[in-house]
Amino acid sequence: DWPKDPETTVVAKDQIAVWLARSIKEARGAVEQAG
């Protein structure tokens, strides 16, 4: 569900906050799982 053009299609503060937190959490998880 990651938007195709996120910088121009996601503009509301609350929606941006959700994606920012989610991306950080998932990035951290990817590093944790990397062997």
PDB file of all heavy atoms in Angstrom:
ATOM      1  N   ASP A   1       0.803  -1.222   0.000  1.00  0.00           N
ATOM      2  CA  ASP A   1       0.000   0.000   0.000  1.00  0.00           C
ATOM      3  C   ASP A   1       0.839   1.276   0.000  1.00  0.00           C
ATOM      4  O   ASP A   1       0.299   2.371   0.187  1.00  0.00           O
ATOM      5  CB  ASP A   1      -0.964   0.010   1.188  1.00  0.00           C
ATOM      6  CG  ASP A   1      -0.257  -0.150   2.526  1.00  0.00           C
ATOM      7  OD1 ASP A   1       0.890  -0.641   2.547  1.00  0.00           O
ATOM      8  OD2 ASP A   1      -0.852   0.207   3.571  1.00  0.00           O
ATOM      9  N   TRP A   2       2.141   1.149  -0.197  1.00  0.00           N
ATOM     10  CA  TRP A   2       2.979   2.350  -0.271  1.00  0.00           C
ATOM     11  C   TRP A   2       2.604   3.130  -1.534  1.00  0.00           C
ATOM     12  O   TRP A   2       2.595   2.578  -2.637  1.00  0.00           O
ATOM     13  CB  TRP A   2       4.458   1.959  -0.307  1.00  0.00           C
ATOM     14  CG  TRP A   2       5.428   3.090  -0.503  1.00  0.00           C
ATOM     15  CD1 TRP A   2       6.280   3.253  -1.566  1.00  0.00           C
ATOM     16  CD2 TRP A   2       5.680   4.212   0.353  1.00  0.00           C
ATOM     17  NE1 TRP A   2       7.028   4.393  -1.427  1.00  0.00           N
ATOM     18  CE2 TRP A   2       6.677   5.002  -0.247  1.00  0.00           C
ATOM     19  CE3 TRP A   2       5.138   4.634   1.568  1.00  0.00           C
ATOM     20  CZ2 TRP A   2       7.150   6.179   0.326  1.00  0.00           C
ATOM     21  CZ3 TRP A   2       5.610   5.806   2.141  1.00  0.00           C
ATOM     22  CH2 TRP A   2       6.609   6.563   1.524  1.00  0.00           C
ATOM     23  N   PRO A   3       2.272   4.428  -1.424  1.00  0.00           N
ATOM     24  CA  PRO A   3       1.803   5.193  -2.597  1.00  0.00           C
ATOM     25  C   PRO A   3       2.868   5.278  -3.702  1.00  0.00           C
ATOM     26  O   PRO A   3       4.065   5.249  -3.430  1.00  0.00           O
ATOM     27  CB  PRO A   3       1.502   6.576  -2.022  1.00  0.00           C
ATOM     28  CG  PRO A   3       1.442   6.411  -0.556  1.00  0.00           C
ATOM     29  CD  PRO A   3       2.288   5.241  -0.200  1.00  0.00           C
ATOM     30  N   LYS A   4       2.386   5.417  -4.926  1.00  0.00           N
ATOM     31  CA  LYS A   4       3.298   5.498  -6.068  1.00  0.00           C
ATOM     32  C   LYS A   4       4.093   6.794  -6.043  1.00  0.00           C
ATOM     33  O   LYS A   4       5.273   6.826  -6.355  1.00  0.00           O
ATOM     34  CB  LYS A   4       2.498   5.379  -7.364  1.00  0.00           C
ATOM     35  CG  LYS A   4       3.372   5.355  -8.610  1.00  0.00           C
ATOM     36  CD  LYS A   4       2.536   5.173  -9.867  1.00  0.00           C
ATOM     37  CE  LYS A   4       3.422   5.161 -11.106  1.00  0.00           C
ATOM     38  NZ  LYS A   4       2.622   4.982 -12.355  1.00  0.00           N
ATOM     39  N   ASP A   5       3.447   7.906  -5.707  1.00  0.00           N
ATOM     40  CA  ASP A   5       4.120   9.204  -5.654  1.00  0.00           C
ATOM     41  C   ASP A   5       3.848   9.823  -4.287  1.00  0.00           C
ATOM     42  O   ASP A   5       3.064  10.772  -4.158  1.00  0.00           O
ATOM     43  CB  ASP A   5       3.599  10.100  -6.786  1.00  0.00           C
ATOM     44  CG  ASP A   5       4.433  11.361  -6.958  1.00  0.00           C
ATOM     45  OD1 ASP A   5       5.465  11.488  -6.253  1.00  0.00           O
ATOM     46  OD2 ASP A   5       4.067  12.227  -7.773  1.00  0.00           O
ATOM     47  N   PRO A   6       4.484   9.312  -3.253  1.00  0.00           N
ATOM     48  CA  PRO A   6       4.101   9.663  -1.883  1.00  0.00           C
ATOM     49  C   PRO A   6       4.272  11.130  -1.513  1.00  0.00           C
ATOM     50  O   PRO A   6       3.482  11.672  -0.741  1.00  0.00           O
ATOM     51  CB  PRO A   6       5.010   8.777  -1.025  1.00  0.00           C
ATOM     52  CG  PRO A   6       6.169   8.444  -1.904  1.00  0.00           C
ATOM     53  CD  PRO A   6       5.615   8.365  -3.279  1.00  0.00           C
ATOM     54  N   GLU A   7       5.275  11.787  -2.049  1.00  0.00           N
ATOM     55  CA  GLU A   7       5.538  13.169  -1.628  1.00  0.00           C
ATOM     56  C   GLU A   7       4.453  14.141  -2.077  1.00  0.00           C
ATOM     57  O   GLU A   7       4.268  15.194  -1.455  1.00  0.00           O
ATOM     58  CB  GLU A   7       6.903  13.625  -2.130  1.00  0.00           C
ATOM     59  CG  GLU A   7       8.064  12.882  -1.468  1.00  0.00           C
ATOM     60  CD  GLU A   7       9.422  13.396  -1.924  1.00  0.00           C
ATOM     61  OE1 GLU A   7       9.528  14.601  -2.267  1.00  0.00           O
ATOM     62  OE2 GLU A   7      10.374  12.603  -1.950  1.00  0.00           O
ATOM     63  N   THR A   8       3.740  13.806  -3.155  1.00  0.00           N
ATOM     64  CA  THR A   8       2.702  14.714  -3.658  1.00  0.00           C
ATOM     65  C   THR A   8       1.291  14.224  -3.361  1.00  0.00           C
ATOM     66  O   THR A   8       0.337  15.014  -3.408  1.00  0.00           O
ATOM     67  CB  THR A   8       2.848  14.916  -5.179  1.00  0.00           C
ATOM     68  OG1 THR A   8       2.770  13.641  -5.830  1.00  0.00           O
ATOM     69  CG2 THR A   8       4.182  15.564  -5.513  1.00  0.00           C
ATOM     70  N   THR A   9       1.159  12.926  -3.050  1.00  0.00           N
ATOM     71  CA  THR A   9      -0.190  12.394  -2.805  1.00  0.00           C
ATOM     72  C   THR A   9      -0.534  12.290  -1.318  1.00  0.00           C
ATOM     73  O   THR A   9      -1.722  12.222  -0.965  1.00  0.00           O
ATOM     74  CB  THR A   9      -0.355  11.006  -3.451  1.00  0.00           C
ATOM     75  OG1 THR A   9       0.628  10.114  -2.920  1.00  0.00           O
ATOM     76  CG2 THR A   9      -0.188  11.090  -4.968  1.00  0.00           C
ATOM     77  N   VAL A  10       0.461  12.270  -0.455  1.00  0.00           N
ATOM     78  CA  VAL A  10       0.213  12.224   0.984  1.00  0.00           C
ATOM     79  C   VAL A  10       0.619  13.585   1.544  1.00  0.00           C
ATOM     80  O   VAL A  10       1.808  13.903   1.659  1.00  0.00           O
ATOM     81  CB  VAL A  10       1.012  11.101   1.669  1.00  0.00           C
ATOM     82  CG1 VAL A  10       0.683  11.052   3.158  1.00  0.00           C
ATOM     83  CG2 VAL A  10       0.723   9.751   1.016  1.00  0.00           C
ATOM     84  N   VAL A  11      -0.386  14.424   1.884  1.00  0.00           N
ATOM     85  CA  VAL A  11      -0.085  15.803   2.270  1.00  0.00           C
ATOM     86  C   VAL A  11      -0.593  16.182   3.657  1.00  0.00           C
ATOM     87  O   VAL A  11      -0.146  17.182   4.228  1.00  0.00           O
ATOM     88  CB  VAL A  11      -0.657  16.794   1.225  1.00  0.00           C
ATOM     89  CG1 VAL A  11       0.031  16.586  -0.129  1.00  0.00           C
ATOM     90  CG2 VAL A  11      -2.170  16.634   1.080  1.00  0.00           C
ATOM     91  N   ALA A  12      -1.522  15.414   4.214  1.00  0.00           N
ATOM     92  CA  ALA A  12      -2.082  15.745   5.524  1.00  0.00           C
ATOM     93  C   ALA A  12      -1.100  15.346   6.633  1.00  0.00           C
ATOM     94  O   ALA A  12      -0.452  14.294   6.562  1.00  0.00           O
ATOM     95  CB  ALA A  12      -3.417  15.033   5.727  1.00  0.00           C
ATOM     96  N   LYS A  13      -1.022  16.179   7.660  1.00  0.00           N
ATOM     97  CA  LYS A  13      -0.063  15.934   8.745  1.00  0.00           C
ATOM     98  C   LYS A  13      -0.263  14.572   9.403  1.00  0.00           C
ATOM     99  O   LYS A  13       0.714  13.846   9.639  1.00  0.00           O
ATOM    100  CB  LYS A  13      -0.178  17.043   9.799  1.00  0.00           C
ATOM    101  CG  LYS A  13       0.716  16.822  11.015  1.00  0.00           C
ATOM    102  CD  LYS A  13       0.603  17.950  12.039  1.00  0.00           C
ATOM    103  CE  LYS A  13       1.435  17.649  13.278  1.00  0.00           C
ATOM    104  NZ  LYS A  13       1.438  18.767  14.250  1.00  0.00           N
ATOM    105  N   ASP A  14      -1.497  14.211   9.697  1.00  0.00           N
ATOM    106  CA  ASP A  14      -1.731  12.940  10.391  1.00  0.00           C
ATOM    107  C   ASP A  14      -1.361  11.740   9.529  1.00  0.00           C
ATOM    108  O   ASP A  14      -0.810  10.748  10.028  1.00  0.00           O
ATOM    109  CB  ASP A  14      -3.183  12.839  10.868  1.00  0.00           C
ATOM    110  CG  ASP A  14      -4.200  12.993   9.733  1.00  0.00           C
ATOM    111  OD1 ASP A  14      -3.807  13.416   8.619  1.00  0.00           O
ATOM    112  OD2 ASP A  14      -5.391  12.680   9.969  1.00  0.00           O
ATOM    113  N   GLN A  15      -1.623  11.823   8.230  1.00  0.00           N
ATOM    114  CA  GLN A  15      -1.254  10.725   7.332  1.00  0.00           C
ATOM    115  C   GLN A  15       0.277  10.616   7.189  1.00  0.00           C
ATOM    116  O   GLN A  15       0.831   9.513   7.153  1.00  0.00           O
ATOM    117  CB  GLN A  15      -1.895  10.936   5.954  1.00  0.00           C
ATOM    118  CG  GLN A  15      -3.411  10.822   5.961  1.00  0.00           C
ATOM    119  CD  GLN A  15      -4.001  11.106   4.591  1.00  0.00           C
ATOM    120  OE1 GLN A  15      -3.394  11.765   3.747  1.00  0.00           O
ATOM    121  NE2 GLN A  15      -5.213  10.601   4.365  1.00  0.00           N
ATOM    122  N   ILE A  16       0.927  11.757   7.130  1.00  0.00           N
ATOM    123  CA  ILE A  16       2.389  11.770   7.024  1.00  0.00           C
ATOM    124  C   ILE A  16       3.008  11.163   8.285  1.00  0.00           C
ATOM    125  O   ILE A  16       3.960  10.381   8.213  1.00  0.00           O
ATOM    126  CB  ILE A  16       2.902  13.200   6.787  1.00  0.00           C
ATOM    127  CG1 ILE A  16       2.506  13.669   5.380  1.00  0.00           C
ATOM    128  CG2 ILE A  16       4.420  13.280   6.968  1.00  0.00           C
ATOM    129  CD1 ILE A  16       2.791  15.134   5.088  1.00  0.00           C
ATOM    130  N   ALA A  17       2.430  11.504   9.441  1.00  0.00           N
ATOM    131  CA  ALA A  17       2.945  10.966  10.699  1.00  0.00           C
ATOM    132  C   ALA A  17       2.851   9.438  10.735  1.00  0.00           C
ATOM    133  O   ALA A  17       3.762   8.754  11.225  1.00  0.00           O
ATOM    134  CB  ALA A  17       2.185  11.569  11.873  1.00  0.00           C
ATOM    135  N   VAL A  18       1.751   8.913  10.200  1.00  0.00           N
ATOM    136  CA  VAL A  18       1.569   7.450  10.167  1.00  0.00           C
ATOM    137  C   VAL A  18       2.648   6.794   9.307  1.00  0.00           C
ATOM    138  O   VAL A  18       3.275   5.811   9.709  1.00  0.00           O
ATOM    139  CB  VAL A  18       0.158   7.093   9.660  1.00  0.00           C
ATOM    140  CG1 VAL A  18       0.056   5.593   9.365  1.00  0.00           C
ATOM    141  CG2 VAL A  18      -0.895   7.493  10.678  1.00  0.00           C
ATOM    142  N   TRP A  19       2.862   7.340   8.109  1.00  0.00           N
ATOM    143  CA  TRP A  19       3.856   6.749   7.203  1.00  0.00           C
ATOM    144  C   TRP A  19       5.276   6.914   7.741  1.00  0.00           C
ATOM    145  O   TRP A  19       6.115   6.012   7.602  1.00  0.00           O
ATOM    146  CB  TRP A  19       3.741   7.357   5.803  1.00  0.00           C
ATOM    147  CG  TRP A  19       2.707   6.698   4.956  1.00  0.00           C
ATOM    148  CD1 TRP A  19       1.556   7.249   4.480  1.00  0.00           C
ATOM    149  CD2 TRP A  19       2.737   5.351   4.503  1.00  0.00           C
ATOM    150  NE1 TRP A  19       0.858   6.332   3.748  1.00  0.00           N
ATOM    151  CE2 TRP A  19       1.562   5.150   3.737  1.00  0.00           C
ATOM    152  CE3 TRP A  19       3.607   4.282   4.644  1.00  0.00           C
ATOM    153  CZ2 TRP A  19       1.250   3.924   3.120  1.00  0.00           C
ATOM    154  CZ3 TRP A  19       3.308   3.064   4.042  1.00  0.00           C
ATOM    155  CH2 TRP A  19       2.148   2.891   3.292  1.00  0.00           C
ATOM    156  N   LEU A  20       5.548   8.036   8.363  1.00  0.00           N
ATOM    157  CA  LEU A  20       6.885   8.261   8.914  1.00  0.00           C
ATOM    158  C   LEU A  20       7.180   7.234  10.008  1.00  0.00           C
ATOM    159  O   LEU A  20       8.246   6.579   9.999  1.00  0.00           O
ATOM    160  CB  LEU A  20       6.987   9.676   9.465  1.00  0.00           C
ATOM    161  CG  LEU A  20       8.369  10.138   9.946  1.00  0.00           C
ATOM    162  CD1 LEU A  20       9.387  10.090   8.821  1.00  0.00           C
ATOM    163  CD2 LEU A  20       8.281  11.547  10.526  1.00  0.00           C
ATOM    164  N   ALA A  21       6.241   7.055  10.918  1.00  0.00           N
ATOM    165  CA  ALA A  21       6.432   6.085  12.005  1.00  0.00           C
ATOM    166  C   ALA A  21       6.508   4.657  11.479  1.00  0.00           C
ATOM    167  O   ALA A  21       7.345   3.857  11.920  1.00  0.00           O
ATOM    168  CB  ALA A  21       5.294   6.215  13.017  1.00  0.00           C
ATOM    169  N   ARG A  22       5.646   4.351  10.520  1.00  0.00           N
ATOM    170  CA  ARG A  22       5.616   2.982   9.976  1.00  0.00           C
ATOM    171  C   ARG A  22       6.905   2.653   9.232  1.00  0.00           C
ATOM    172  O   ARG A  22       7.471   1.566   9.408  1.00  0.00           O
ATOM    173  CB  ARG A  22       4.400   2.835   9.056  1.00  0.00           C
ATOM    174  CG  ARG A  22       4.277   1.447   8.449  1.00  0.00           C
ATOM    175  CD  ARG A  22       3.018   1.344   7.595  1.00  0.00           C
ATOM    176  NE  ARG A  22       3.009   0.132   6.805  1.00  0.00           N
ATOM    177  CZ  ARG A  22       2.053  -0.182   5.924  1.00  0.00           C
ATOM    178  NH1 ARG A  22       1.021   0.634   5.758  1.00  0.00           N
ATOM    179  NH2 ARG A  22       2.122  -1.308   5.228  1.00  0.00           N
ATOM    180  N   SER A  23       7.368   3.581   8.419  1.00  0.00           N
ATOM    181  CA  SER A  23       8.593   3.322   7.635  1.00  0.00           C
ATOM    182  C   SER A  23       9.800   3.142   8.560  1.00  0.00           C
ATOM    183  O   SER A  23      10.656   2.279   8.317  1.00  0.00           O
ATOM    184  CB  SER A  23       8.846   4.453   6.651  1.00  0.00           C
ATOM    185  OG  SER A  23       9.149   5.668   7.329  1.00  0.00           O
ATOM    186  N   ILE A  24       9.856   3.939   9.612  1.00  0.00           N
ATOM    187  CA  ILE A  24      10.974   3.834  10.559  1.00  0.00           C
ATOM    188  C   ILE A  24      10.929   2.483  11.273  1.00  0.00           C
ATOM    189  O   ILE A  24      11.957   1.806  11.424  1.00  0.00           O
ATOM    190  CB  ILE A  24      10.939   5.000  11.558  1.00  0.00           C
ATOM    191  CG1 ILE A  24      11.367   6.299  10.851  1.00  0.00           C
ATOM    192  CG2 ILE A  24      11.824   4.722  12.760  1.00  0.00           C
ATOM    193  CD1 ILE A  24      11.138   7.553  11.660  1.00  0.00           C
ATOM    194  N   LYS A  25       9.734   2.078  11.697  1.00  0.00           N
ATOM    195  CA  LYS A  25       9.589   0.792  12.389  1.00  0.00           C
ATOM    196  C   LYS A  25       9.973  -0.359  11.474  1.00  0.00           C
ATOM    197  O   LYS A  25      10.698  -1.294  11.895  1.00  0.00           O
ATOM    198  CB  LYS A  25       8.145   0.632  12.870  1.00  0.00           C
ATOM    199  CG  LYS A  25       7.899  -0.677  13.610  1.00  0.00           C
ATOM    200  CD  LYS A  25       6.449  -0.780  14.073  1.00  0.00           C
ATOM    201  CE  LYS A  25       6.198  -2.105  14.790  1.00  0.00           C
ATOM    202  NZ  LYS A  25       4.769  -2.214  15.235  1.00  0.00           N
ATOM    203  N   GLU A  26       9.517  -0.325  10.228  1.00  0.00           N
ATOM    204  CA  GLU A  26       9.811  -1.412   9.296  1.00  0.00           C
ATOM    205  C   GLU A  26      11.277  -1.417   8.879  1.00  0.00           C
ATOM    206  O   GLU A  26      11.866  -2.492   8.678  1.00  0.00           O
ATOM    207  CB  GLU A  26       8.882  -1.329   8.094  1.00  0.00           C
ATOM    208  CG  GLU A  26       7.429  -1.626   8.480  1.00  0.00           C
ATOM    209  CD  GLU A  26       6.450  -1.509   7.326  1.00  0.00           C
ATOM    210  OE1 GLU A  26       6.879  -1.186   6.193  1.00  0.00           O
ATOM    211  OE2 GLU A  26       5.247  -1.746   7.541  1.00  0.00           O
ATOM    212  N   ALA A  27      11.885  -0.241   8.763  1.00  0.00           N
ATOM    213  CA  ALA A  27      13.309  -0.175   8.430  1.00  0.00           C
ATOM    214  C   ALA A  27      14.142  -0.765   9.572  1.00  0.00           C
ATOM    215  O   ALA A  27      15.096  -1.518   9.342  1.00  0.00           O
ATOM    216  CB  ALA A  27      13.722   1.267   8.172  1.00  0.00           C
ATOM    217  N   ARG A  28      13.762  -0.433  10.780  1.00  0.00           N
ATOM    218  CA  ARG A  28      14.483  -0.982  11.933  1.00  0.00           C
ATOM    219  C   ARG A  28      14.364  -2.500  11.978  1.00  0.00           C
ATOM    220  O   ARG A  28      15.330  -3.228  12.254  1.00  0.00           O
ATOM    221  CB  ARG A  28      13.944  -0.382  13.228  1.00  0.00           C
ATOM    222  CG  ARG A  28      14.882  -0.549  14.415  1.00  0.00           C
ATOM    223  CD  ARG A  28      14.252  -0.019  15.693  1.00  0.00           C
ATOM    224  NE  ARG A  28      15.222   0.197  16.746  1.00  0.00           N
ATOM    225  CZ  ARG A  28      15.787  -0.770  17.472  1.00  0.00           C
ATOM    226  NH1 ARG A  28      15.458  -2.043  17.239  1.00  0.00           N
ATOM    227  NH2 ARG A  28      16.661  -0.487  18.408  1.00  0.00           N
ATOM    228  N   GLY A  29      13.164  -2.991  11.705  1.00  0.00           N
ATOM    229  CA  GLY A  29      12.943  -4.434  11.690  1.00  0.00           C
ATOM    230  C   GLY A  29      13.759  -5.137  10.615  1.00  0.00           C
ATOM    231  O   GLY A  29      14.268  -6.240  10.831  1.00  0.00           O
ATOM    232  N   ALA A  30      13.901  -4.485   9.452  1.00  0.00           N
ATOM    233  CA  ALA A  30      14.690  -5.082   8.372  1.00  0.00           C
ATOM    234  C   ALA A  30      16.155  -5.219   8.769  1.00  0.00           C
ATOM    235  O   ALA A  30      16.805  -6.223   8.476  1.00  0.00           O
ATOM    236  CB  ALA A  30      14.557  -4.236   7.105  1.00  0.00           C
ATOM    237  N   VAL A  31      16.670  -4.208   9.447  1.00  0.00           N
ATOM    238  CA  VAL A  31      18.064  -4.275   9.897  1.00  0.00           C
ATOM    239  C   VAL A  31      18.218  -5.350  10.974  1.00  0.00           C
ATOM    240  O   VAL A  31      19.199  -6.104  10.978  1.00  0.00           O
ATOM    241  CB  VAL A  31      18.540  -2.909  10.431  1.00  0.00           C
ATOM    242  CG1 VAL A  31      19.978  -2.996  10.924  1.00  0.00           C
ATOM    243  CG2 VAL A  31      18.437  -1.846   9.340  1.00  0.00           C
ATOM    244  N   GLU A  32      17.255  -5.444  11.874  1.00  0.00           N
ATOM    245  CA  GLU A  32      17.316  -6.461  12.936  1.00  0.00           C
ATOM    246  C   GLU A  32      17.359  -7.865  12.352  1.00  0.00           C
ATOM    247  O   GLU A  32      18.053  -8.745  12.861  1.00  0.00           O
ATOM    248  CB  GLU A  32      16.106  -6.332  13.860  1.00  0.00           C
ATOM    249  CG  GLU A  32      16.171  -5.145  14.814  1.00  0.00           C
ATOM    250  CD  GLU A  32      14.931  -5.042  15.682  1.00  0.00           C
ATOM    251  OE1 GLU A  32      13.883  -5.595  15.274  1.00  0.00           O
ATOM    252  OE2 GLU A  32      15.004  -4.424  16.753  1.00  0.00           O
ATOM    253  N   GLN A  33      16.621  -8.092  11.279  1.00  0.00           N
ATOM    254  CA  GLN A  33      16.512  -9.433  10.699  1.00  0.00           C
ATOM    255  C   GLN A  33      17.636  -9.746   9.719  1.00  0.00           C
ATOM    256  O   GLN A  33      17.807 -10.912   9.348  1.00  0.00           O
ATOM    257  CB  GLN A  33      15.161  -9.578   9.999  1.00  0.00           C
ATOM    258  CG  GLN A  33      13.965  -9.529  10.949  1.00  0.00           C
ATOM    259  CD  GLN A  33      12.635  -9.501  10.220  1.00  0.00           C
ATOM    260  OE1 GLN A  33      12.569  -9.765   9.013  1.00  0.00           O
ATOM    261  NE2 GLN A  33      11.571  -9.182  10.936  1.00  0.00           N
ATOM    262  N   ALA A  34      18.390  -8.757   9.296  1.00  0.00           N
ATOM    263  CA  ALA A  34      19.449  -8.985   8.309  1.00  0.00           C
ATOM    264  C   ALA A  34      20.546  -9.867   8.900  1.00  0.00           C
ATOM    265  O   ALA A  34      21.085  -9.580   9.963  1.00  0.00           O
ATOM    266  CB  ALA A  34      20.034  -7.652   7.845  1.00  0.00           C
ATOM    267  N   GLY A  35      20.879 -10.952   8.196  1.00  0.00           N
ATOM    268  CA  GLY A  35      21.936 -11.856   8.641  1.00  0.00           C
ATOM    269  C   GLY A  35      23.287 -11.451   8.065  1.00  0.00           C
ATOM    270  O   GLY A  35      23.381 -10.530   7.249  1.00  0.00           O
TER     271      GLY A  35
END
